[in-house]
Amino acid sequence: MRHGIGVVLPKTLTMQFGNWDISNEGIKYSGGGTAAFTVPQAELLRTTEEGDQPAMYHWVLQVTDHPGLDHDDIYDFNYAFVYAAAKWGVPFDYGTFDETLAEQYERFDFEDEEPNF
């Protein structure tokens, strides 16, 4: 069941974007199906470096590559990620996020170019 973007929820959840629940513990996928994905609050800004590319946010790339998530889930995660960083007061870097989104969109383009057999 999809919920509207930015729906404020009571008690344990502080916010929900699509199928992503944001609580004080982290971000969790609640869309059902075969997808299971959780980002602990303490690891939100974990970065990864791939080859000669600049540092990028690890969890955004992991969500992008997850086979059980569709493009809507991925876009909703991006909103949840930025909201959570602001909510938790962590040192979010817009330059790193911009680099990460550029890589995310490249990965989308490659998916779209694969032949369907």
PDB file of N, CA and C in Angstrom:
ATOM      1  N   MET A   1       0.837  -1.176   0.000  1.00  0.00           N
ATOM      2  CA  MET A   1       0.000   0.000   0.000  1.00  0.00           C
ATOM      3  C   MET A   1       0.884   1.242   0.000  1.00  0.00           C
ATOM      4  N   ARG A   2       0.721   2.105  -0.972  1.00  0.00           N
ATOM      5  CA  ARG A   2       1.504   3.340  -1.071  1.00  0.00           C
ATOM      6  C   ARG A   2       0.794   4.449  -0.300  1.00  0.00           C
ATOM      7  N   HIS A   3       1.592   5.214   0.383  1.00  0.00           N
ATOM      8  CA  HIS A   3       1.083   6.364   1.110  1.00  0.00           C
ATOM      9  C   HIS A   3       1.568   7.619   0.401  1.00  0.00           C
ATOM     10  N   GLY A   4       0.944   8.722   0.653  1.00  0.00           N
ATOM     11  CA  GLY A   4       1.361   9.980   0.040  1.00  0.00           C
ATOM     12  C   GLY A   4       2.736  10.413   0.520  1.00  0.00           C
ATOM     13  N   ILE A   5       3.408  11.202  -0.277  1.00  0.00           N
ATOM     14  CA  ILE A   5       4.716  11.715   0.110  1.00  0.00           C
ATOM     15  C   ILE A   5       4.541  12.681   1.272  1.00  0.00           C
ATOM     16  N   GLY A   6       5.380  12.481   2.287  1.00  0.00           N
ATOM     17  CA  GLY A   6       5.395  13.403   3.403  1.00  0.00           C
ATOM     18  C   GLY A   6       4.217  13.300   4.345  1.00  0.00           C
ATOM     19  N   VAL A   7       3.687  12.119   4.556  1.00  0.00           N
ATOM     20  CA  VAL A   7       2.569  11.928   5.469  1.00  0.00           C
ATOM     21  C   VAL A   7       3.112  11.826   6.891  1.00  0.00           C
ATOM     22  N   VAL A   8       2.649  12.683   7.784  1.00  0.00           N
ATOM     23  CA  VAL A   8       3.080  12.647   9.178  1.00  0.00           C
ATOM     24  C   VAL A   8       2.292  11.561   9.897  1.00  0.00           C
ATOM     25  N   LEU A   9       3.000  10.695  10.603  1.00  0.00           N
ATOM     26  CA  LEU A   9       2.381   9.567  11.288  1.00  0.00           C
ATOM     27  C   LEU A   9       2.588   9.685  12.797  1.00  0.00           C
ATOM     28  N   PRO A  10       1.684   9.120  13.581  1.00  0.00           N
ATOM     29  CA  PRO A  10       1.789   9.209  15.034  1.00  0.00           C
ATOM     30  C   PRO A  10       2.759   8.189  15.630  1.00  0.00           C
ATOM     31  N   LYS A  11       3.107   8.406  16.883  1.00  0.00           N
ATOM     32  CA  LYS A  11       3.843   7.490  17.749  1.00  0.00           C
ATOM     33  C   LYS A  11       5.242   7.179  17.253  1.00  0.00           C
ATOM     34  N   THR A  12       5.520   5.917  16.898  1.00  0.00           N
ATOM     35  CA  THR A  12       6.887   5.491  16.629  1.00  0.00           C
ATOM     36  C   THR A  12       7.452   6.024  15.326  1.00  0.00           C
ATOM     37  N   LEU A  13       6.611   6.274  14.347  1.00  0.00           N
ATOM     38  CA  LEU A  13       7.097   6.809  13.080  1.00  0.00           C
ATOM     39  C   LEU A  13       7.037   8.326  13.113  1.00  0.00           C
ATOM     40  N   THR A  14       8.052   8.954  12.546  1.00  0.00           N
ATOM     41  CA  THR A  14       8.023  10.409  12.488  1.00  0.00           C
ATOM     42  C   THR A  14       7.553  10.897  11.127  1.00  0.00           C
ATOM     43  N   MET A  15       7.787  10.104  10.075  1.00  0.00           N
ATOM     44  CA  MET A  15       7.393  10.517   8.727  1.00  0.00           C
ATOM     45  C   MET A  15       7.411   9.292   7.817  1.00  0.00           C
ATOM     46  N   GLN A  16       6.657   9.386   6.732  1.00  0.00           N
ATOM     47  CA  GLN A  16       6.640   8.315   5.747  1.00  0.00           C
ATOM     48  C   GLN A  16       6.647   8.938   4.357  1.00  0.00           C
ATOM     49  N   PHE A  17       7.505   8.405   3.500  1.00  0.00           N
ATOM     50  CA  PHE A  17       7.574   8.802   2.094  1.00  0.00           C
ATOM     51  C   PHE A  17       7.321   7.552   1.275  1.00  0.00           C
ATOM     52  N   GLY A  18       6.185   7.487   0.599  1.00  0.00           N
ATOM     53  CA  GLY A  18       5.852   6.278  -0.154  1.00  0.00           C
ATOM     54  C   GLY A  18       5.844   5.080   0.769  1.00  0.00           C
ATOM     55  N   ASN A  19       6.665   4.090   0.461  1.00  0.00           N
ATOM     56  CA  ASN A  19       6.762   2.870   1.271  1.00  0.00           C
ATOM     57  C   ASN A  19       7.915   2.908   2.265  1.00  0.00           C
ATOM     58  N   TRP A  20       8.458   4.086   2.528  1.00  0.00           N
ATOM     59  CA  TRP A  20       9.601   4.224   3.432  1.00  0.00           C
ATOM     60  C   TRP A  20       9.162   4.882   4.729  1.00  0.00           C
ATOM     61  N   ASP A  21       9.404   4.176   5.847  1.00  0.00           N
ATOM     62  CA  ASP A  21       9.080   4.679   7.176  1.00  0.00           C
ATOM     63  C   ASP A  21      10.343   5.252   7.809  1.00  0.00           C
ATOM     64  N   ILE A  22      10.232   6.437   8.376  1.00  0.00           N
ATOM     65  CA  ILE A  22      11.354   7.058   9.071  1.00  0.00           C
ATOM     66  C   ILE A  22      10.998   7.132  10.544  1.00  0.00           C
ATOM     67  N   SER A  23      11.842   6.525  11.360  1.00  0.00           N
ATOM     68  CA  SER A  23      11.665   6.565  12.808  1.00  0.00           C
ATOM     69  C   SER A  23      12.993   7.006  13.411  1.00  0.00           C
ATOM     70  N   ASN A  24      13.069   7.062  14.716  1.00  0.00           N
ATOM     71  CA  ASN A  24      14.331   7.420  15.365  1.00  0.00           C
ATOM     72  C   ASN A  24      15.389   6.339  15.200  1.00  0.00           C
ATOM     73  N   GLU A  25      14.985   5.143  14.806  1.00  0.00           N
ATOM     74  CA  GLU A  25      15.935   4.049  14.608  1.00  0.00           C
ATOM     75  C   GLU A  25      16.556   4.060  13.218  1.00  0.00           C
ATOM     76  N   GLY A  26      15.822   4.571  12.224  1.00  0.00           N
ATOM     77  CA  GLY A  26      16.353   4.575  10.867  1.00  0.00           C
ATOM     78  C   GLY A  26      15.253   4.673   9.827  1.00  0.00           C
ATOM     79  N   ILE A  27      15.603   4.261   8.613  1.00  0.00           N
ATOM     80  CA  ILE A  27      14.663   4.248   7.493  1.00  0.00           C
ATOM     81  C   ILE A  27      14.399   2.789   7.144  1.00  0.00           C
ATOM     82  N   LYS A  28      13.124   2.430   6.996  1.00  0.00           N
ATOM     83  CA  LYS A  28      12.771   1.039   6.718  1.00  0.00           C
ATOM     84  C   LYS A  28      11.748   0.976   5.592  1.00  0.00           C
ATOM     85  N   TYR A  29      11.951   0.023   4.687  1.00  0.00           N
ATOM     86  CA  TYR A  29      11.002  -0.208   3.601  1.00  0.00           C
ATOM     87  C   TYR A  29       9.822  -1.002   4.141  1.00  0.00           C
ATOM     88  N   SER A  30       8.603  -0.541   3.860  1.00  0.00           N
ATOM     89  CA  SER A  30       7.400  -1.210   4.368  1.00  0.00           C
ATOM     90  C   SER A  30       6.436  -1.579   3.248  1.00  0.00           C
ATOM     91  N   GLY A  31       6.950  -1.711   2.033  1.00  0.00           N
ATOM     92  CA  GLY A  31       6.090  -1.962   0.881  1.00  0.00           C
ATOM     93  C   GLY A  31       5.712  -3.402   0.655  1.00  0.00           C
ATOM     94  N   GLY A  32       6.265  -4.312   1.417  1.00  0.00           N
ATOM     95  CA  GLY A  32       5.929  -5.714   1.232  1.00  0.00           C
ATOM     96  C   GLY A  32       6.666  -6.331   0.065  1.00  0.00           C
ATOM     97  N   GLY A  33       6.116  -7.412  -0.449  1.00  0.00           N
ATOM     98  CA  GLY A  33       6.775  -8.117  -1.539  1.00  0.00           C
ATOM     99  C   GLY A  33       8.063  -8.765  -1.063  1.00  0.00           C
ATOM    100  N   THR A  34       8.993  -8.932  -1.973  1.00  0.00           N
ATOM    101  CA  THR A  34      10.254  -9.586  -1.631  1.00  0.00           C
ATOM    102  C   THR A  34      11.298  -8.607  -1.118  1.00  0.00           C
ATOM    103  N   ALA A  35      11.033  -7.326  -1.208  1.00  0.00           N
ATOM    104  CA  ALA A  35      12.020  -6.322  -0.802  1.00  0.00           C
ATOM    105  C   ALA A  35      12.049  -6.157   0.713  1.00  0.00           C
ATOM    106  N   ALA A  36      13.245  -6.184   1.252  1.00  0.00           N
ATOM    107  CA  ALA A  36      13.468  -5.887   2.659  1.00  0.00           C
ATOM    108  C   ALA A  36      14.687  -4.975   2.709  1.00  0.00           C
ATOM    109  N   PHE A  37      14.530  -3.816   3.314  1.00  0.00           N
ATOM    110  CA  PHE A  37      15.638  -2.865   3.315  1.00  0.00           C
ATOM    111  C   PHE A  37      15.515  -1.948   4.522  1.00  0.00           C
ATOM    112  N   THR A  38      16.598  -1.826   5.273  1.00  0.00           N
ATOM    113  CA  THR A  38      16.630  -0.964   6.446  1.00  0.00           C
ATOM    114  C   THR A  38      17.957  -0.214   6.484  1.00  0.00           C
ATOM    115  N   VAL A  39      17.900   1.051   6.809  1.00  0.00           N
ATOM    116  CA  VAL A  39      19.099   1.868   6.988  1.00  0.00           C
ATOM    117  C   VAL A  39      19.108   2.352   8.432  1.00  0.00           C
ATOM    118  N   PRO A  40      20.044   1.859   9.257  1.00  0.00           N
ATOM    119  CA  PRO A  40      20.119   2.333  10.634  1.00  0.00           C
ATOM    120  C   PRO A  40      20.509   3.811  10.683  1.00  0.00           C
ATOM    121  N   GLN A  41      19.955   4.533  11.633  1.00  0.00           N
ATOM    122  CA  GLN A  41      20.230   5.962  11.749  1.00  0.00           C
ATOM    123  C   GLN A  41      21.731   6.242  11.805  1.00  0.00           C
ATOM    124  N   ALA A  42      22.466   5.469  12.576  1.00  0.00           N
ATOM    125  CA  ALA A  42      23.900   5.710  12.751  1.00  0.00           C
ATOM    126  C   ALA A  42      24.701   5.531  11.463  1.00  0.00           C
ATOM    127  N   GLU A  43      24.134   4.829  10.482  1.00  0.00           N
ATOM    128  CA  GLU A  43      24.852   4.564   9.234  1.00  0.00           C
ATOM    129  C   GLU A  43      24.320   5.368   8.051  1.00  0.00           C
ATOM    130  N   LEU A  44      23.410   6.295   8.276  1.00  0.00           N
ATOM    131  CA  LEU A  44      22.757   6.998   7.175  1.00  0.00           C
ATOM    132  C   LEU A  44      23.751   7.615   6.199  1.00  0.00           C
ATOM    133  N   LEU A  45      24.758   8.303   6.692  1.00  0.00           N
ATOM    134  CA  LEU A  45      25.670   9.036   5.815  1.00  0.00           C
ATOM    135  C   LEU A  45      26.909   8.240   5.416  1.00  0.00           C
ATOM    136  N   ARG A  46      26.832   6.943   5.547  1.00  0.00           N
ATOM    137  CA  ARG A  46      27.945   6.090   5.109  1.00  0.00           C
ATOM    138  C   ARG A  46      28.231   6.362   3.633  1.00  0.00           C
ATOM    139  N   THR A  47      29.506   6.523   3.307  1.00  0.00           N
ATOM    140  CA  THR A  47      29.877   6.770   1.914  1.00  0.00           C
ATOM    141  C   THR A  47      30.696   5.607   1.375  1.00  0.00           C
ATOM    142  N   THR A  48      30.756   5.557   0.069  1.00  0.00           N
ATOM    143  CA  THR A  48      31.525   4.533  -0.614  1.00  0.00           C
ATOM    144  C   THR A  48      32.253   5.190  -1.771  1.00  0.00           C
ATOM    145  N   GLU A  49      33.392   4.662  -2.108  1.00  0.00           N
ATOM    146  CA  GLU A  49      34.127   5.155  -3.260  1.00  0.00           C
ATOM    147  C   GLU A  49      34.255   4.012  -4.250  1.00  0.00           C
ATOM    148  N   GLU A  50      33.942   4.293  -5.498  1.00  0.00           N
ATOM    149  CA  GLU A  50      33.994   3.281  -6.548  1.00  0.00           C
ATOM    150  C   GLU A  50      35.018   3.713  -7.588  1.00  0.00           C
ATOM    151  N   GLY A  51      36.168   3.053  -7.578  1.00  0.00           N
ATOM    152  CA  GLY A  51      37.209   3.378  -8.544  1.00  0.00           C
ATOM    153  C   GLY A  51      37.695   4.805  -8.382  1.00  0.00           C
ATOM    154  N   ASP A  52      37.718   5.539  -9.481  1.00  0.00           N
ATOM    155  CA  ASP A  52      38.199   6.919  -9.450  1.00  0.00           C
ATOM    156  C   ASP A  52      37.072   7.930  -9.236  1.00  0.00           C
ATOM    157  N   GLN A  53      35.885   7.451  -8.929  1.00  0.00           N
ATOM    158  CA  GLN A  53      34.748   8.345  -8.710  1.00  0.00           C
ATOM    159  C   GLN A  53      34.812   8.954  -7.310  1.00  0.00           C
ATOM    160  N   PRO A  54      34.183  10.113  -7.130  1.00  0.00           N
ATOM    161  CA  PRO A  54      34.158  10.732  -5.794  1.00  0.00           C
ATOM    162  C   PRO A  54      33.292   9.922  -4.830  1.00  0.00           C
ATOM    163  N   ALA A  55      33.407  10.253  -3.556  1.00  0.00           N
ATOM    164  CA  ALA A  55      32.592   9.582  -2.541  1.00  0.00           C
ATOM    165  C   ALA A  55      31.109   9.796  -2.838  1.00  0.00           C
ATOM    166  N   MET A  56      30.327   8.741  -2.606  1.00  0.00           N
ATOM    167  CA  MET A  56      28.878   8.799  -2.812  1.00  0.00           C
ATOM    168  C   MET A  56      28.203   8.144  -1.614  1.00  0.00           C
ATOM    169  N   TYR A  57      26.931   8.485  -1.413  1.00  0.00           N
ATOM    170  CA  TYR A  57      26.192   7.898  -0.300  1.00  0.00           C
ATOM    171  C   TYR A  57      25.854   6.438  -0.598  1.00  0.00           C
ATOM    172  N   HIS A  58      26.377   5.573   0.254  1.00  0.00           N
ATOM    173  CA  HIS A  58      26.276   4.123   0.104  1.00  0.00           C
ATOM    174  C   HIS A  58      24.834   3.637  -0.027  1.00  0.00           C
ATOM    175  N   TRP A  59      23.963   4.085   0.874  1.00  0.00           N
ATOM    176  CA  TRP A  59      22.607   3.537   0.919  1.00  0.00           C
ATOM    177  C   TRP A  59      21.776   3.940  -0.289  1.00  0.00           C
ATOM    178  N   VAL A  60      22.018   5.107  -0.836  1.00  0.00           N
ATOM    179  CA  VAL A  60      21.289   5.521  -2.040  1.00  0.00           C
ATOM    180  C   VAL A  60      21.645   4.590  -3.193  1.00  0.00           C
ATOM    181  N   LEU A  61      22.927   4.230  -3.305  1.00  0.00           N
ATOM    182  CA  LEU A  61      23.340   3.309  -4.368  1.00  0.00           C
ATOM    183  C   LEU A  61      22.817   1.898  -4.116  1.00  0.00           C
ATOM    184  N   GLN A  62      22.794   1.474  -2.850  1.00  0.00           N
ATOM    185  CA  GLN A  62      22.273   0.140  -2.526  1.00  0.00           C
ATOM    186  C   GLN A  62      20.794   0.027  -2.889  1.00  0.00           C
ATOM    187  N   VAL A  63      20.027   1.052  -2.568  1.00  0.00           N
ATOM    188  CA  VAL A  63      18.601   1.064  -2.917  1.00  0.00           C
ATOM    189  C   VAL A  63      18.438   1.026  -4.434  1.00  0.00           C
ATOM    190  N   THR A  64      19.267   1.787  -5.146  1.00  0.00           N
ATOM    191  CA  THR A  64      19.194   1.842  -6.607  1.00  0.00           C
ATOM    192  C   THR A  64      19.390   0.463  -7.220  1.00  0.00           C
ATOM    193  N   ASP A  65      20.303  -0.314  -6.663  1.00  0.00           N
ATOM    194  CA  ASP A  65      20.635  -1.629  -7.215  1.00  0.00           C
ATOM    195  C   ASP A  65      19.766  -2.762  -6.681  1.00  0.00           C
ATOM    196  N   HIS A  66      18.899  -2.476  -5.723  1.00  0.00           N
ATOM    197  CA  HIS A  66      18.085  -3.537  -5.103  1.00  0.00           C
ATOM    198  C   HIS A  66      17.045  -4.049  -6.100  1.00  0.00           C
ATOM    199  N   PRO A  67      17.038  -5.357  -6.378  1.00  0.00           N
ATOM    200  CA  PRO A  67      16.121  -5.896  -7.394  1.00  0.00           C
ATOM    201  C   PRO A  67      14.646  -5.846  -7.014  1.00  0.00           C
ATOM    202  N   GLY A  68      14.313  -5.736  -5.747  1.00  0.00           N
ATOM    203  CA  GLY A  68      12.917  -5.744  -5.333  1.00  0.00           C
ATOM    204  C   GLY A  68      12.265  -4.375  -5.273  1.00  0.00           C
ATOM    205  N   LEU A  69      13.011  -3.328  -5.632  1.00  0.00           N
ATOM    206  CA  LEU A  69      12.482  -1.967  -5.549  1.00  0.00           C
ATOM    207  C   LEU A  69      12.317  -1.379  -6.941  1.00  0.00           C
ATOM    208  N   ASP A  70      11.196  -0.683  -7.156  1.00  0.00           N
ATOM    209  CA  ASP A  70      10.976  -0.057  -8.465  1.00  0.00           C
ATOM    210  C   ASP A  70      11.420   1.410  -8.420  1.00  0.00           C
ATOM    211  N   HIS A  71      11.323   2.086  -9.555  1.00  0.00           N
ATOM    212  CA  HIS A  71      11.781   3.478  -9.628  1.00  0.00           C
ATOM    213  C   HIS A  71      11.038   4.377  -8.647  1.00  0.00           C
ATOM    214  N   ASP A  72       9.742   4.163  -8.443  1.00  0.00           N
ATOM    215  CA  ASP A  72       8.998   4.975  -7.471  1.00  0.00           C
ATOM    216  C   ASP A  72       9.561   4.794  -6.066  1.00  0.00           C
ATOM    217  N   ASP A  73       9.859   3.547  -5.695  1.00  0.00           N
ATOM    218  CA  ASP A  73      10.439   3.285  -4.374  1.00  0.00           C
ATOM    219  C   ASP A  73      11.782   3.991  -4.220  1.00  0.00           C
ATOM    220  N   ILE A  74      12.568   3.978  -5.285  1.00  0.00           N
ATOM    221  CA  ILE A  74      13.893   4.597  -5.241  1.00  0.00           C
ATOM    222  C   ILE A  74      13.777   6.113  -5.113  1.00  0.00           C
ATOM    223  N   TYR A  75      12.905   6.722  -5.892  1.00  0.00           N
ATOM    224  CA  TYR A  75      12.709   8.173  -5.790  1.00  0.00           C
ATOM    225  C   TYR A  75      12.186   8.556  -4.405  1.00  0.00           C
ATOM    226  N   ASP A  76      11.247   7.777  -3.872  1.00  0.00           N
ATOM    227  CA  ASP A  76      10.728   8.048  -2.532  1.00  0.00           C
ATOM    228  C   ASP A  76      11.834   7.929  -1.488  1.00  0.00           C
ATOM    229  N   PHE A  77      12.736   6.946  -1.670  1.00  0.00           N
ATOM    230  CA  PHE A  77      13.856   6.797  -0.739  1.00  0.00           C
ATOM    231  C   PHE A  77      14.723   8.052  -0.748  1.00  0.00           C
ATOM    232  N   ASN A  78      14.956   8.617  -1.926  1.00  0.00           N
ATOM    233  CA  ASN A  78      15.771   9.834  -1.996  1.00  0.00           C
ATOM    234  C   ASN A  78      15.182  10.936  -1.120  1.00  0.00           C
ATOM    235  N   TYR A  79      13.864  11.110  -1.176  1.00  0.00           N
ATOM    236  CA  TYR A  79      13.201  12.106  -0.325  1.00  0.00           C
ATOM    237  C   TYR A  79      13.346  11.736   1.153  1.00  0.00           C
ATOM    238  N   ALA A  80      13.135  10.466   1.468  1.00  0.00           N
ATOM    239  CA  ALA A  80      13.250  10.005   2.851  1.00  0.00           C
ATOM    240  C   ALA A  80      14.669  10.213   3.378  1.00  0.00           C
ATOM    241  N   PHE A  81      15.654   9.955   2.538  1.00  0.00           N
ATOM    242  CA  PHE A  81      17.060  10.099   2.907  1.00  0.00           C
ATOM    243  C   PHE A  81      17.378  11.547   3.306  1.00  0.00           C
ATOM    244  N   VAL A  82      16.987  12.491   2.478  1.00  0.00           N
ATOM    245  CA  VAL A  82      17.255  13.904   2.754  1.00  0.00           C
ATOM    246  C   VAL A  82      16.479  14.366   3.988  1.00  0.00           C
ATOM    247  N   TYR A  83      15.221  13.946   4.094  1.00  0.00           N
ATOM    248  CA  TYR A  83      14.419  14.310   5.261  1.00  0.00           C
ATOM    249  C   TYR A  83      15.067  13.773   6.539  1.00  0.00           C
ATOM    250  N   ALA A  84      15.471  12.503   6.517  1.00  0.00           N
ATOM    251  CA  ALA A  84      16.066  11.884   7.700  1.00  0.00           C
ATOM    252  C   ALA A  84      17.349  12.606   8.108  1.00  0.00           C
ATOM    253  N   ALA A  85      18.171  12.967   7.142  1.00  0.00           N
ATOM    254  CA  ALA A  85      19.412  13.684   7.455  1.00  0.00           C
ATOM    255  C   ALA A  85      19.103  15.004   8.167  1.00  0.00           C
ATOM    256  N   ALA A  86      18.103  15.730   7.678  1.00  0.00           N
ATOM    257  CA  ALA A  86      17.720  16.995   8.314  1.00  0.00           C
ATOM    258  C   ALA A  86      17.109  16.748   9.689  1.00  0.00           C
ATOM    259  N   LYS A  87      16.226  15.768   9.781  1.00  0.00           N
ATOM    260  CA  LYS A  87      15.542  15.450  11.042  1.00  0.00           C
ATOM    261  C   LYS A  87      16.541  15.078  12.136  1.00  0.00           C
ATOM    262  N   TRP A  88      17.547  14.275  11.748  1.00  0.00           N
ATOM    263  CA  TRP A  88      18.511  13.792  12.729  1.00  0.00           C
ATOM    264  C   TRP A  88      19.689  14.739  12.924  1.00  0.00           C
ATOM    265  N   GLY A  89      19.745  15.816  12.156  1.00  0.00           N
ATOM    266  CA  GLY A  89      20.796  16.813  12.331  1.00  0.00           C
ATOM    267  C   GLY A  89      22.194  16.319  12.014  1.00  0.00           C
ATOM    268  N   VAL A  90      22.312  15.428  11.046  1.00  0.00           N
ATOM    269  CA  VAL A  90      23.622  14.895  10.669  1.00  0.00           C
ATOM    270  C   VAL A  90      24.234  15.767   9.566  1.00  0.00           C
ATOM    271  N   PRO A  91      25.557  15.726   9.409  1.00  0.00           N
ATOM    272  CA  PRO A  91      26.232  16.621   8.456  1.00  0.00           C
ATOM    273  C   PRO A  91      26.093  16.182   6.995  1.00  0.00           C
ATOM    274  N   PHE A  92      24.910  16.304   6.475  1.00  0.00           N
ATOM    275  CA  PHE A  92      24.586  15.956   5.088  1.00  0.00           C
ATOM    276  C   PHE A  92      25.368  16.865   4.141  1.00  0.00           C
ATOM    277  N   ASP A  93      25.925  16.285   3.079  1.00  0.00           N
ATOM    278  CA  ASP A  93      26.700  17.058   2.107  1.00  0.00           C
ATOM    279  C   ASP A  93      25.987  17.036   0.755  1.00  0.00           C
ATOM    280  N   TYR A  94      25.533  18.206   0.311  1.00  0.00           N
ATOM    281  CA  TYR A  94      24.787  18.286  -0.949  1.00  0.00           C
ATOM    282  C   TYR A  94      25.651  17.926  -2.149  1.00  0.00           C
ATOM    283  N   GLY A  95      26.950  18.218  -2.100  1.00  0.00           N
ATOM    284  CA  GLY A  95      27.847  17.840  -3.190  1.00  0.00           C
ATOM    285  C   GLY A  95      27.938  16.330  -3.331  1.00  0.00           C
ATOM    286  N   THR A  96      28.068  15.639  -2.206  1.00  0.00           N
ATOM    287  CA  THR A  96      28.109  14.173  -2.221  1.00  0.00           C
ATOM    288  C   THR A  96      26.783  13.617  -2.716  1.00  0.00           C
ATOM    289  N   PHE A  97      25.678  14.216  -2.280  1.00  0.00           N
ATOM    290  CA  PHE A  97      24.359  13.748  -2.721  1.00  0.00           C
ATOM    291  C   PHE A  97      24.189  13.964  -4.220  1.00  0.00           C
ATOM    292  N   ASP A  98      24.650  15.096  -4.727  1.00  0.00           N
ATOM    293  CA  ASP A  98      24.567  15.383  -6.158  1.00  0.00           C
ATOM    294  C   ASP A  98      25.357  14.351  -6.968  1.00  0.00           C
ATOM    295  N   GLU A  99      26.566  14.025  -6.515  1.00  0.00           N
ATOM    296  CA  GLU A  99      27.376  12.996  -7.191  1.00  0.00           C
ATOM    297  C   GLU A  99      26.664  11.647  -7.151  1.00  0.00           C
ATOM    298  N   THR A 100      26.049  11.343  -6.017  1.00  0.00           N
ATOM    299  CA  THR A 100      25.342  10.073  -5.851  1.00  0.00           C
ATOM    300  C   THR A 100      24.146   9.996  -6.791  1.00  0.00           C
ATOM    301  N   LEU A 101      23.379  11.079  -6.881  1.00  0.00           N
ATOM    302  CA  LEU A 101      22.221  11.081  -7.781  1.00  0.00           C
ATOM    303  C   LEU A 101      22.645  10.979  -9.243  1.00  0.00           C
ATOM    304  N   ALA A 102      23.756  11.596  -9.605  1.00  0.00           N
ATOM    305  CA  ALA A 102      24.253  11.480 -10.982  1.00  0.00           C
ATOM    306  C   ALA A 102      24.554  10.018 -11.304  1.00  0.00           C
ATOM    307  N   GLU A 103      25.166   9.318 -10.361  1.00  0.00           N
ATOM    308  CA  GLU A 103      25.451   7.888 -10.558  1.00  0.00           C
ATOM    309  C   GLU A 103      24.154   7.086 -10.591  1.00  0.00           C
ATOM    310  N   GLN A 104      23.215   7.432  -9.726  1.00  0.00           N
ATOM    311  CA  GLN A 104      21.931   6.737  -9.705  1.00  0.00           C
ATOM    312  C   GLN A 104      21.240   6.844 -11.060  1.00  0.00           C
ATOM    313  N   TYR A 105      21.189   8.032 -11.618  1.00  0.00           N
ATOM    314  CA  TYR A 105      20.518   8.228 -12.907  1.00  0.00           C
ATOM    315  C   TYR A 105      21.249   7.502 -14.029  1.00  0.00           C
ATOM    316  N   GLU A 106      22.578   7.437 -13.956  1.00  0.00           N
ATOM    317  CA  GLU A 106      23.321   6.655 -14.952  1.00  0.00           C
ATOM    318  C   GLU A 106      22.936   5.190 -14.875  1.00  0.00           C
ATOM    319  N   ARG A 107      22.795   4.684 -13.663  1.00  0.00           N
ATOM    320  CA  ARG A 107      22.402   3.277 -13.501  1.00  0.00           C
ATOM    321  C   ARG A 107      20.999   3.039 -14.037  1.00  0.00           C
ATOM    322  N   PHE A 108      20.112   4.007 -13.896  1.00  0.00           N
ATOM    323  CA  PHE A 108      18.777   3.885 -14.489  1.00  0.00           C
ATOM    324  C   PHE A 108      18.874   3.804 -15.998  1.00  0.00           C
ATOM    325  N   ASP A 109      19.696   4.645 -16.604  1.00  0.00           N
ATOM    326  CA  ASP A 109      19.853   4.646 -18.062  1.00  0.00           C
ATOM    327  C   ASP A 109      20.340   3.299 -18.563  1.00  0.00           C
ATOM    328  N   PHE A 110      21.291   2.683 -17.852  1.00  0.00           N
ATOM    329  CA  PHE A 110      21.800   1.384 -18.283  1.00  0.00           C
ATOM    330  C   PHE A 110      20.717   0.321 -18.189  1.00  0.00           C
ATOM    331  N   GLU A 111      19.894   0.385 -17.141  1.00  0.00           N
ATOM    332  CA  GLU A 111      18.788  -0.569 -17.004  1.00  0.00           C
ATOM    333  C   GLU A 111      17.835  -0.456 -18.186  1.00  0.00           C
ATOM    334  N   ASP A 112      17.523   0.774 -18.581  1.00  0.00           N
ATOM    335  CA  ASP A 112      16.565   1.007 -19.658  1.00  0.00           C
ATOM    336  C   ASP A 112      17.085   0.555 -21.013  1.00  0.00           C
ATOM    337  N   GLU A 113      18.416   0.465 -21.174  1.00  0.00           N
ATOM    338  CA  GLU A 113      18.999   0.094 -22.454  1.00  0.00           C
ATOM    339  C   GLU A 113      19.151  -1.412 -22.619  1.00  0.00           C
ATOM    340  N   GLU A 114      18.978  -2.186 -21.553  1.00  0.00           N
ATOM    341  CA  GLU A 114      19.129  -3.634 -21.654  1.00  0.00           C
ATOM    342  C   GLU A 114      18.018  -4.211 -22.518  1.00  0.00           C
ATOM    343  N   PRO A 115      18.374  -5.126 -23.418  1.00  0.00           N
ATOM    344  CA  PRO A 115      17.344  -5.722 -24.280  1.00  0.00           C
ATOM    345  C   PRO A 115      16.417  -6.636 -23.487  1.00  0.00           C
ATOM    346  N   ASN A 116      15.186  -6.681 -23.904  1.00  0.00           N
ATOM    347  CA  ASN A 116      14.207  -7.584 -23.290  1.00  0.00           C
ATOM    348  C   ASN A 116      14.075  -8.820 -24.159  1.00  0.00           C
ATOM    349  N   PHE A 117      14.518  -9.934 -23.645  1.00  0.00           N
ATOM    350  CA  PHE A 117      14.422 -11.190 -24.401  1.00  0.00           C
ATOM    351  C   PHE A 117      13.285 -12.029 -23.897  1.00  0.00           C
TER     352      PHE A 117
END
